[in-house]
PDB file of N, CA and C in Angstrom:
ATOM      1  N   MET A   1      12.567  55.976  -8.335  1.00  0.00           N
ATOM      2  CA  MET A   1      11.750  56.133  -9.502  1.00  0.00           C
ATOM      3  C   MET A   1      12.183  57.338 -10.347  1.00  0.00           C
ATOM      4  N   LEU A   2      12.846  58.283  -9.732  1.00  0.00           N
ATOM      5  CA  LEU A   2      13.284  59.463 -10.456  1.00  0.00           C
ATOM      6  C   LEU A   2      14.439  59.173 -11.417  1.00  0.00           C
ATOM      7  N   VAL A   3      15.016  57.991 -11.304  1.00  0.00           N
ATOM      8  CA  VAL A   3      16.074  57.616 -12.234  1.00  0.00           C
ATOM      9  C   VAL A   3      15.529  57.535 -13.659  1.00  0.00           C
ATOM     10  N   VAL A   4      14.239  57.343 -13.803  1.00  0.00           N
ATOM     11  CA  VAL A   4      13.631  57.299 -15.135  1.00  0.00           C
ATOM     12  C   VAL A   4      13.811  58.639 -15.850  1.00  0.00           C
ATOM     13  N   LEU A   5      13.751  59.728 -15.109  1.00  0.00           N
ATOM     14  CA  LEU A   5      13.985  61.033 -15.721  1.00  0.00           C
ATOM     15  C   LEU A   5      15.418  61.156 -16.227  1.00  0.00           C
ATOM     16  N   ALA A   6      16.363  60.603 -15.492  1.00  0.00           N
ATOM     17  CA  ALA A   6      17.751  60.604 -15.964  1.00  0.00           C
ATOM     18  C   ALA A   6      17.882  59.768 -17.237  1.00  0.00           C
ATOM     19  N   LEU A   7      17.156  58.664 -17.302  1.00  0.00           N
ATOM     20  CA  LEU A   7      17.166  57.842 -18.517  1.00  0.00           C
ATOM     21  C   LEU A   7      16.590  58.606 -19.701  1.00  0.00           C
ATOM     22  N   VAL A   8      15.494  59.297 -19.478  1.00  0.00           N
ATOM     23  CA  VAL A   8      14.851  60.051 -20.561  1.00  0.00           C
ATOM     24  C   VAL A   8      15.738  61.198 -21.023  1.00  0.00           C
ATOM     25  N   PHE A   9      16.286  61.963 -20.079  1.00  0.00           N
ATOM     26  CA  PHE A   9      17.177  63.057 -20.461  1.00  0.00           C
ATOM     27  C   PHE A   9      18.395  62.534 -21.218  1.00  0.00           C
ATOM     28  N   GLY A  10      18.941  61.428 -20.778  1.00  0.00           N
ATOM     29  CA  GLY A  10      20.084  60.839 -21.461  1.00  0.00           C
ATOM     30  C   GLY A  10      19.735  60.364 -22.859  1.00  0.00           C
ATOM     31  N   ALA A  11      18.573  59.757 -23.021  1.00  0.00           N
ATOM     32  CA  ALA A  11      18.154  59.291 -24.342  1.00  0.00           C
ATOM     33  C   ALA A  11      17.925  60.466 -25.288  1.00  0.00           C
ATOM     34  N   ILE A  12      17.372  61.540 -24.785  1.00  0.00           N
ATOM     35  CA  ILE A  12      17.178  62.743 -25.614  1.00  0.00           C
ATOM     36  C   ILE A  12      18.524  63.326 -26.023  1.00  0.00           C
ATOM     37  N   ALA A  13      19.453  63.385 -25.090  1.00  0.00           N
ATOM     38  CA  ALA A  13      20.797  63.899 -25.415  1.00  0.00           C
ATOM     39  C   ALA A  13      21.488  63.006 -26.440  1.00  0.00           C
ATOM     40  N   GLY A  14      21.334  61.690 -26.285  1.00  0.00           N
ATOM     41  CA  GLY A  14      21.949  60.764 -27.231  1.00  0.00           C
ATOM     42  C   GLY A  14      21.338  60.842 -28.619  1.00  0.00           C
ATOM     43  N   ALA A  15      20.015  60.966 -28.693  1.00  0.00           N
ATOM     44  CA  ALA A  15      19.358  61.105 -29.996  1.00  0.00           C
ATOM     45  C   ALA A  15      19.764  62.415 -30.668  1.00  0.00           C
ATOM     46  N   SER A  16      19.844  63.472 -29.888  1.00  0.00           N
ATOM     47  CA  SER A  16      20.269  64.763 -30.440  1.00  0.00           C
ATOM     48  C   SER A  16      21.696  64.685 -30.957  1.00  0.00           C
ATOM     49  N   ALA A  17      22.557  64.034 -30.206  1.00  0.00           N
ATOM     50  CA  ALA A  17      23.951  63.895 -30.639  1.00  0.00           C
ATOM     51  C   ALA A  17      24.053  63.047 -31.899  1.00  0.00           C
ATOM     52  N   HIS A  18      23.249  61.997 -31.989  1.00  0.00           N
ATOM     53  CA  HIS A  18      23.288  61.134 -33.177  1.00  0.00           C
ATOM     54  C   HIS A  18      22.972  61.926 -34.435  1.00  0.00           C
ATOM     55  N   PHE A  19      21.927  62.743 -34.385  1.00  0.00           N
ATOM     56  CA  PHE A  19      21.527  63.474 -35.578  1.00  0.00           C
ATOM     57  C   PHE A  19      22.361  64.722 -35.818  1.00  0.00           C
ATOM     58  N   ALA A  20      23.046  65.234 -34.816  1.00  0.00           N
ATOM     59  CA  ALA A  20      23.860  66.437 -34.985  1.00  0.00           C
ATOM     60  C   ALA A  20      25.265  66.141 -35.481  1.00  0.00           C
ATOM     61  N   LEU A  21      25.761  64.942 -35.233  1.00  0.00           N
ATOM     62  CA  LEU A  21      27.149  64.626 -35.568  1.00  0.00           C
ATOM     63  C   LEU A  21      27.259  63.992 -36.950  1.00  0.00           C
ATOM     64  N   PRO A  22      28.426  64.135 -37.577  1.00  0.00           N
ATOM     65  CA  PRO A  22      28.623  63.513 -38.891  1.00  0.00           C
ATOM     66  C   PRO A  22      28.837  62.004 -38.775  1.00  0.00           C
ATOM     67  N   LEU A  23      28.883  61.349 -39.905  1.00  0.00           N
ATOM     68  CA  LEU A  23      29.115  59.905 -40.033  1.00  0.00           C
ATOM     69  C   LEU A  23      28.014  59.077 -39.371  1.00  0.00           C
ATOM     70  N   ARG A  24      26.788  59.591 -39.378  1.00  0.00           N
ATOM     71  CA  ARG A  24      25.712  58.858 -38.703  1.00  0.00           C
ATOM     72  C   ARG A  24      25.341  57.588 -39.443  1.00  0.00           C
ATOM     73  N   SER A  25      25.723  57.469 -40.707  1.00  0.00           N
ATOM     74  CA  SER A  25      25.410  56.242 -41.446  1.00  0.00           C
ATOM     75  C   SER A  25      26.288  55.067 -41.004  1.00  0.00           C
ATOM     76  N   LEU A  26      27.331  55.350 -40.230  1.00  0.00           N
ATOM     77  CA  LEU A  26      28.239  54.298 -39.781  1.00  0.00           C
ATOM     78  C   LEU A  26      27.872  53.726 -38.421  1.00  0.00           C
ATOM     79  N   ARG A  27      26.807  54.230 -37.805  1.00  0.00           N
ATOM     80  CA  ARG A  27      26.387  53.705 -36.515  1.00  0.00           C
ATOM     81  C   ARG A  27      24.880  53.531 -36.531  1.00  0.00           C
ATOM     82  N   GLY A  28      24.396  52.661 -35.732  1.00  0.00           N
ATOM     83  CA  GLY A  28      22.963  52.433 -35.654  1.00  0.00           C
ATOM     84  C   GLY A  28      22.255  53.606 -35.022  1.00  0.00           C
ATOM     85  N   VAL A  29      20.995  53.776 -35.384  1.00  0.00           N
ATOM     86  CA  VAL A  29      20.241  54.914 -34.898  1.00  0.00           C
ATOM     87  C   VAL A  29      19.963  54.808 -33.400  1.00  0.00           C
ATOM     88  N   SER A  30      20.035  53.630 -32.842  1.00  0.00           N
ATOM     89  CA  SER A  30      19.738  53.458 -31.416  1.00  0.00           C
ATOM     90  C   SER A  30      20.978  53.547 -30.527  1.00  0.00           C
ATOM     91  N   VAL A  31      22.154  53.617 -31.114  1.00  0.00           N
ATOM     92  CA  VAL A  31      23.381  53.653 -30.309  1.00  0.00           C
ATOM     93  C   VAL A  31      23.437  54.919 -29.453  1.00  0.00           C
ATOM     94  N   GLY A  32      23.145  56.057 -30.035  1.00  0.00           N
ATOM     95  CA  GLY A  32      23.201  57.319 -29.291  1.00  0.00           C
ATOM     96  C   GLY A  32      22.226  57.382 -28.133  1.00  0.00           C
ATOM     97  N   PRO A  33      20.922  57.120 -28.371  1.00  0.00           N
ATOM     98  CA  PRO A  33      19.981  57.172 -27.254  1.00  0.00           C
ATOM     99  C   PRO A  33      20.265  56.141 -26.156  1.00  0.00           C
ATOM    100  N   ILE A  34      20.670  54.952 -26.541  1.00  0.00           N
ATOM    101  CA  ILE A  34      20.975  53.937 -25.528  1.00  0.00           C
ATOM    102  C   ILE A  34      22.199  54.343 -24.720  1.00  0.00           C
ATOM    103  N   LEU A  35      23.231  54.834 -25.394  1.00  0.00           N
ATOM    104  CA  LEU A  35      24.431  55.268 -24.687  1.00  0.00           C
ATOM    105  C   LEU A  35      24.133  56.437 -23.760  1.00  0.00           C
ATOM    106  N   GLY A  36      23.355  57.395 -24.233  1.00  0.00           N
ATOM    107  CA  GLY A  36      22.990  58.533 -23.396  1.00  0.00           C
ATOM    108  C   GLY A  36      22.187  58.117 -22.180  1.00  0.00           C
ATOM    109  N   ALA A  37      21.241  57.195 -22.370  1.00  0.00           N
ATOM    110  CA  ALA A  37      20.435  56.706 -21.249  1.00  0.00           C
ATOM    111  C   ALA A  37      21.302  55.967 -20.237  1.00  0.00           C
ATOM    112  N   LEU A  38      22.243  55.174 -20.724  1.00  0.00           N
ATOM    113  CA  LEU A  38      23.139  54.451 -19.806  1.00  0.00           C
ATOM    114  C   LEU A  38      24.022  55.408 -19.008  1.00  0.00           C
ATOM    115  N   VAL A  39      24.537  56.430 -19.662  1.00  0.00           N
ATOM    116  CA  VAL A  39      25.383  57.394 -18.959  1.00  0.00           C
ATOM    117  C   VAL A  39      24.565  58.170 -17.929  1.00  0.00           C
ATOM    118  N   GLY A  40      23.369  58.576 -18.302  1.00  0.00           N
ATOM    119  CA  GLY A  40      22.515  59.302 -17.361  1.00  0.00           C
ATOM    120  C   GLY A  40      22.140  58.459 -16.153  1.00  0.00           C
ATOM    121  N   ALA A  41      21.757  57.205 -16.397  1.00  0.00           N
ATOM    122  CA  ALA A  41      21.380  56.315 -15.295  1.00  0.00           C
ATOM    123  C   ALA A  41      22.587  55.978 -14.424  1.00  0.00           C
ATOM    124  N   ALA A  42      23.740  55.771 -15.038  1.00  0.00           N
ATOM    125  CA  ALA A  42      24.942  55.464 -14.264  1.00  0.00           C
ATOM    126  C   ALA A  42      25.354  56.648 -13.396  1.00  0.00           C
ATOM    127  N   THR A  43      25.226  57.854 -13.927  1.00  0.00           N
ATOM    128  CA  THR A  43      25.546  59.045 -13.146  1.00  0.00           C
ATOM    129  C   THR A  43      24.590  59.197 -11.975  1.00  0.00           C
ATOM    130  N   TRP A  44      23.300  59.022 -12.233  1.00  0.00           N
ATOM    131  CA  TRP A  44      22.288  59.112 -11.173  1.00  0.00           C
ATOM    132  C   TRP A  44      22.563  58.075 -10.092  1.00  0.00           C
ATOM    133  N   THR A  45      22.834  56.838 -10.515  1.00  0.00           N
ATOM    134  CA  THR A  45      23.073  55.758  -9.562  1.00  0.00           C
ATOM    135  C   THR A  45      24.317  56.023  -8.730  1.00  0.00           C
ATOM    136  N   ALA A  46      25.389  56.460  -9.370  1.00  0.00           N
ATOM    137  CA  ALA A  46      26.633  56.726  -8.639  1.00  0.00           C
ATOM    138  C   ALA A  46      26.446  57.834  -7.617  1.00  0.00           C
ATOM    139  N   LEU A  47      25.736  58.877  -8.002  1.00  0.00           N
ATOM    140  CA  LEU A  47      25.518  59.972  -7.049  1.00  0.00           C
ATOM    141  C   LEU A  47      24.547  59.574  -5.940  1.00  0.00           C
ATOM    142  N   THR A  48      23.602  58.725  -6.240  1.00  0.00           N
ATOM    143  CA  THR A  48      22.699  58.223  -5.201  1.00  0.00           C
ATOM    144  C   THR A  48      23.472  57.384  -4.189  1.00  0.00           C
ATOM    145  N   TRP A  49      24.341  56.516  -4.693  1.00  0.00           N
ATOM    146  CA  TRP A  49      25.163  55.702  -3.797  1.00  0.00           C
ATOM    147  C   TRP A  49      26.122  56.564  -2.987  1.00  0.00           C
ATOM    148  N   ALA A  50      26.527  57.703  -3.548  1.00  0.00           N
ATOM    149  CA  ALA A  50      27.429  58.605  -2.832  1.00  0.00           C
ATOM    150  C   ALA A  50      26.696  59.435  -1.782  1.00  0.00           C
ATOM    151  N   GLY A  51      25.374  59.333  -1.746  1.00  0.00           N
ATOM    152  CA  GLY A  51      24.620  60.015  -0.714  1.00  0.00           C
ATOM    153  C   GLY A  51      23.839  61.233  -1.169  1.00  0.00           C
ATOM    154  N   ALA A  52      23.903  61.552  -2.458  1.00  0.00           N
ATOM    155  CA  ALA A  52      23.147  62.705  -2.956  1.00  0.00           C
ATOM    156  C   ALA A  52      21.676  62.320  -3.075  1.00  0.00           C
ATOM    157  N   GLY A  53      20.828  63.190  -2.643  1.00  0.00           N
ATOM    158  CA  GLY A  53      19.394  62.933  -2.720  1.00  0.00           C
ATOM    159  C   GLY A  53      18.771  63.644  -3.905  1.00  0.00           C
ATOM    160  N   PRO A  54      17.577  63.226  -4.293  1.00  0.00           N
ATOM    161  CA  PRO A  54      16.925  63.855  -5.446  1.00  0.00           C
ATOM    162  C   PRO A  54      16.470  65.283  -5.188  1.00  0.00           C
ATOM    163  N   ASP A  55      16.490  65.712  -3.945  1.00  0.00           N
ATOM    164  CA  ASP A  55      16.095  67.076  -3.646  1.00  0.00           C
ATOM    165  C   ASP A  55      17.230  68.070  -3.870  1.00  0.00           C
ATOM    166  N   GLY A  56      18.442  67.564  -4.051  1.00  0.00           N
ATOM    167  CA  GLY A  56      19.582  68.433  -4.326  1.00  0.00           C
ATOM    168  C   GLY A  56      19.712  68.705  -5.814  1.00  0.00           C
ATOM    169  N   GLY A  57      20.293  69.817  -6.143  1.00  0.00           N
ATOM    170  CA  GLY A  57      20.431  70.186  -7.541  1.00  0.00           C
ATOM    171  C   GLY A  57      21.588  69.518  -8.268  1.00  0.00           C
ATOM    172  N   TRP A  58      22.601  69.073  -7.502  1.00  0.00           N
ATOM    173  CA  TRP A  58      23.792  68.500  -8.138  1.00  0.00           C
ATOM    174  C   TRP A  58      23.510  67.195  -8.848  1.00  0.00           C
ATOM    175  N   ILE A  59      22.655  66.385  -8.281  1.00  0.00           N
ATOM    176  CA  ILE A  59      22.357  65.100  -8.915  1.00  0.00           C
ATOM    177  C   ILE A  59      21.637  65.311 -10.250  1.00  0.00           C
ATOM    178  N   TRP A  60      20.772  66.309 -10.302  1.00  0.00           N
ATOM    179  CA  TRP A  60      20.079  66.607 -11.550  1.00  0.00           C
ATOM    180  C   TRP A  60      21.024  67.208 -12.579  1.00  0.00           C
ATOM    181  N   LEU A  61      21.838  68.136 -12.138  1.00  0.00           N
ATOM    182  CA  LEU A  61      22.784  68.776 -13.048  1.00  0.00           C
ATOM    183  C   LEU A  61      23.759  67.754 -13.639  1.00  0.00           C
ATOM    184  N   ALA A  62      24.294  66.900 -12.799  1.00  0.00           N
ATOM    185  CA  ALA A  62      25.253  65.901 -13.272  1.00  0.00           C
ATOM    186  C   ALA A  62      24.590  64.866 -14.164  1.00  0.00           C
ATOM    187  N   SER A  63      23.368  64.464 -13.835  1.00  0.00           N
ATOM    188  CA  SER A  63      22.677  63.447 -14.626  1.00  0.00           C
ATOM    189  C   SER A  63      22.257  63.959 -15.993  1.00  0.00           C
ATOM    190  N   ILE A  64      22.123  65.254 -16.127  1.00  0.00           N
ATOM    191  CA  ILE A  64      21.811  65.832 -17.436  1.00  0.00           C
ATOM    192  C   ILE A  64      23.088  66.206 -18.181  1.00  0.00           C
ATOM    193  N   ALA A  65      24.077  66.718 -17.472  1.00  0.00           N
ATOM    194  CA  ALA A  65      25.310  67.180 -18.119  1.00  0.00           C
ATOM    195  C   ALA A  65      26.197  66.027 -18.583  1.00  0.00           C
ATOM    196  N   ALA A  66      26.255  64.949 -17.830  1.00  0.00           N
ATOM    197  CA  ALA A  66      27.134  63.836 -18.202  1.00  0.00           C
ATOM    198  C   ALA A  66      26.777  63.246 -19.567  1.00  0.00           C
ATOM    199  N   PRO A  67      25.517  62.932 -19.858  1.00  0.00           N
ATOM    200  CA  PRO A  67      25.212  62.433 -21.206  1.00  0.00           C
ATOM    201  C   PRO A  67      25.449  63.466 -22.306  1.00  0.00           C
ATOM    202  N   VAL A  68      25.229  64.733 -21.986  1.00  0.00           N
ATOM    203  CA  VAL A  68      25.438  65.787 -22.985  1.00  0.00           C
ATOM    204  C   VAL A  68      26.917  65.888 -23.355  1.00  0.00           C
ATOM    205  N   VAL A  69      27.803  65.624 -22.414  1.00  0.00           N
ATOM    206  CA  VAL A  69      29.244  65.718 -22.663  1.00  0.00           C
ATOM    207  C   VAL A  69      29.817  64.399 -23.183  1.00  0.00           C
ATOM    208  N   VAL A  70      29.456  63.297 -22.558  1.00  0.00           N
ATOM    209  CA  VAL A  70      30.088  62.005 -22.851  1.00  0.00           C
ATOM    210  C   VAL A  70      29.583  61.385 -24.159  1.00  0.00           C
ATOM    211  N   THR A  71      28.293  61.471 -24.409  1.00  0.00           N
ATOM    212  CA  THR A  71      27.717  60.782 -25.560  1.00  0.00           C
ATOM    213  C   THR A  71      28.259  61.281 -26.899  1.00  0.00           C
ATOM    214  N   PRO A  72      28.341  62.585 -27.166  1.00  0.00           N
ATOM    215  CA  PRO A  72      28.908  63.007 -28.455  1.00  0.00           C
ATOM    216  C   PRO A  72      30.357  62.576 -28.642  1.00  0.00           C
ATOM    217  N   ILE A  73      31.130  62.616 -27.576  1.00  0.00           N
ATOM    218  CA  ILE A  73      32.529  62.192 -27.688  1.00  0.00           C
ATOM    219  C   ILE A  73      32.604  60.710 -28.023  1.00  0.00           C
ATOM    220  N   ALA A  74      31.813  59.905 -27.328  1.00  0.00           N
ATOM    221  CA  ALA A  74      31.809  58.467 -27.591  1.00  0.00           C
ATOM    222  C   ALA A  74      31.315  58.163 -29.006  1.00  0.00           C
ATOM    223  N   LEU A  75      30.306  58.871 -29.473  1.00  0.00           N
ATOM    224  CA  LEU A  75      29.793  58.637 -30.824  1.00  0.00           C
ATOM    225  C   LEU A  75      30.816  59.029 -31.885  1.00  0.00           C
ATOM    226  N   LEU A  76      31.538  60.105 -31.662  1.00  0.00           N
ATOM    227  CA  LEU A  76      32.586  60.483 -32.610  1.00  0.00           C
ATOM    228  C   LEU A  76      33.695  59.438 -32.667  1.00  0.00           C
ATOM    229  N   VAL A  77      34.095  58.951 -31.501  1.00  0.00           N
ATOM    230  CA  VAL A  77      35.146  57.923 -31.460  1.00  0.00           C
ATOM    231  C   VAL A  77      34.668  56.650 -32.146  1.00  0.00           C
ATOM    232  N   LEU A  78      33.442  56.229 -31.856  1.00  0.00           N
ATOM    233  CA  LEU A  78      32.903  55.024 -32.488  1.00  0.00           C
ATOM    234  C   LEU A  78      32.814  55.169 -34.002  1.00  0.00           C
ATOM    235  N   SER A  79      32.363  56.315 -34.469  1.00  0.00           N
ATOM    236  CA  SER A  79      32.204  56.536 -35.904  1.00  0.00           C
ATOM    237  C   SER A  79      33.541  56.575 -36.620  1.00  0.00           C
ATOM    238  N   ARG A  80      34.505  57.255 -36.041  1.00  0.00           N
ATOM    239  CA  ARG A  80      35.820  57.330 -36.687  1.00  0.00           C
ATOM    240  C   ARG A  80      36.526  55.983 -36.664  1.00  0.00           C
ATOM    241  N   THR A  81      36.347  55.226 -35.581  1.00  0.00           N
ATOM    242  CA  THR A  81      36.918  53.882 -35.525  1.00  0.00           C
ATOM    243  C   THR A  81      36.299  52.998 -36.595  1.00  0.00           C
ATOM    244  N   ARG A  82      34.987  53.079 -36.750  1.00  0.00           N
ATOM    245  CA  ARG A  82      34.302  52.284 -37.767  1.00  0.00           C
ATOM    246  C   ARG A  82      34.748  52.672 -39.166  1.00  0.00           C
ATOM    247  N   ALA A  83      34.910  53.972 -39.420  1.00  0.00           N
ATOM    248  CA  ALA A  83      35.344  54.429 -40.736  1.00  0.00           C
ATOM    249  C   ALA A  83      36.745  53.931 -41.057  1.00  0.00           C
ATOM    250  N   SER A  84      37.642  53.986 -40.098  1.00  0.00           N
ATOM    251  CA  SER A  84      39.010  53.518 -40.360  1.00  0.00           C
ATOM    252  C   SER A  84      39.061  52.007 -40.533  1.00  0.00           C
ATOM    253  N   ARG A  85      38.270  51.273 -39.762  1.00  0.00           N
ATOM    254  CA  ARG A  85      38.223  49.817 -39.939  1.00  0.00           C
ATOM    255  C   ARG A  85      37.627  49.436 -41.286  1.00  0.00           C
ATOM    256  N   ASP A  86      36.591  50.132 -41.698  1.00  0.00           N
ATOM    257  CA  ASP A  86      36.003  49.857 -43.007  1.00  0.00           C
ATOM    258  C   ASP A  86      36.995  50.129 -44.125  1.00  0.00           C
ATOM    259  N   ALA A  87      37.724  51.234 -44.026  1.00  0.00           N
ATOM    260  CA  ALA A  87      38.724  51.565 -45.047  1.00  0.00           C
ATOM    261  C   ALA A  87      39.839  50.533 -45.071  1.00  0.00           C
ATOM    262  N   ARG A  88      40.277  50.094 -43.890  1.00  0.00           N
ATOM    263  CA  ARG A  88      41.326  49.076 -43.828  1.00  0.00           C
ATOM    264  C   ARG A  88      40.845  47.752 -44.399  1.00  0.00           C
ATOM    265  N   THR A  89      39.626  47.368 -44.098  1.00  0.00           N
ATOM    266  CA  THR A  89      39.078  46.111 -44.616  1.00  0.00           C
ATOM    267  C   THR A  89      38.921  46.177 -46.129  1.00  0.00           C
ATOM    268  N   GLN A  90      38.452  47.290 -46.644  1.00  0.00           N
ATOM    269  CA  GLN A  90      38.320  47.439 -48.091  1.00  0.00           C
ATOM    270  C   GLN A  90      39.682  47.386 -48.775  1.00  0.00           C
ATOM    271  N   ARG A  91      40.678  48.004 -48.157  1.00  0.00           N
ATOM    272  CA  ARG A  91      42.025  47.977 -48.713  1.00  0.00           C
ATOM    273  C   ARG A  91      42.591  46.566 -48.697  1.00  0.00           C
ATOM    274  N   ASP A  92      42.369  45.837 -47.591  1.00  0.00           N
ATOM    275  CA  ASP A  92      42.875  44.469 -47.482  1.00  0.00           C
ATOM    276  C   ASP A  92      42.205  43.528 -48.483  1.00  0.00           C
ATOM    277  N   LEU A  93      40.923  43.765 -48.751  1.00  0.00           N
ATOM    278  CA  LEU A  93      40.185  42.915 -49.689  1.00  0.00           C
ATOM    279  C   LEU A  93      40.382  43.334 -51.142  1.00  0.00           C
ATOM    280  N   GLY A  94      41.028  44.469 -51.371  1.00  0.00           N
ATOM    281  CA  GLY A  94      41.268  44.952 -52.718  1.00  0.00           C
ATOM    282  C   GLY A  94      40.042  45.595 -53.334  1.00  0.00           C
ATOM    283  N   ILE A  95      39.110  46.022 -52.527  1.00  0.00           N
ATOM    284  CA  ILE A  95      37.886  46.641 -53.038  1.00  0.00           C
ATOM    285  C   ILE A  95      38.107  48.114 -53.349  1.00  0.00           C
ATOM    286  N   ALA A  96      38.864  48.784 -52.519  1.00  0.00           N
ATOM    287  CA  ALA A  96      39.047  50.227 -52.677  1.00  0.00           C
ATOM    288  C   ALA A  96      40.305  50.545 -53.452  1.00  0.00           C
TER     289      ALA A  96
END
């Protein structure tokens, strides 16, 4: 049941990253929180399967740190990819 906290922390990290990073108009507002929640839950699950218990500090640290690190990088890559694809499509269509 404590995995819900990892989901919440991840969603908060993802929402914060969405609003802090540039090019937010090129991605949906829910992409950041969903991605952060998935990374947090995946980290929690992987460490649980590896034998870490919720009473240890490492599972909490990793479940909070992983979305904080991974989500902004993924959002930047997604946004820049979308911007370059949009520019290429506009160029191909003769719009730009």
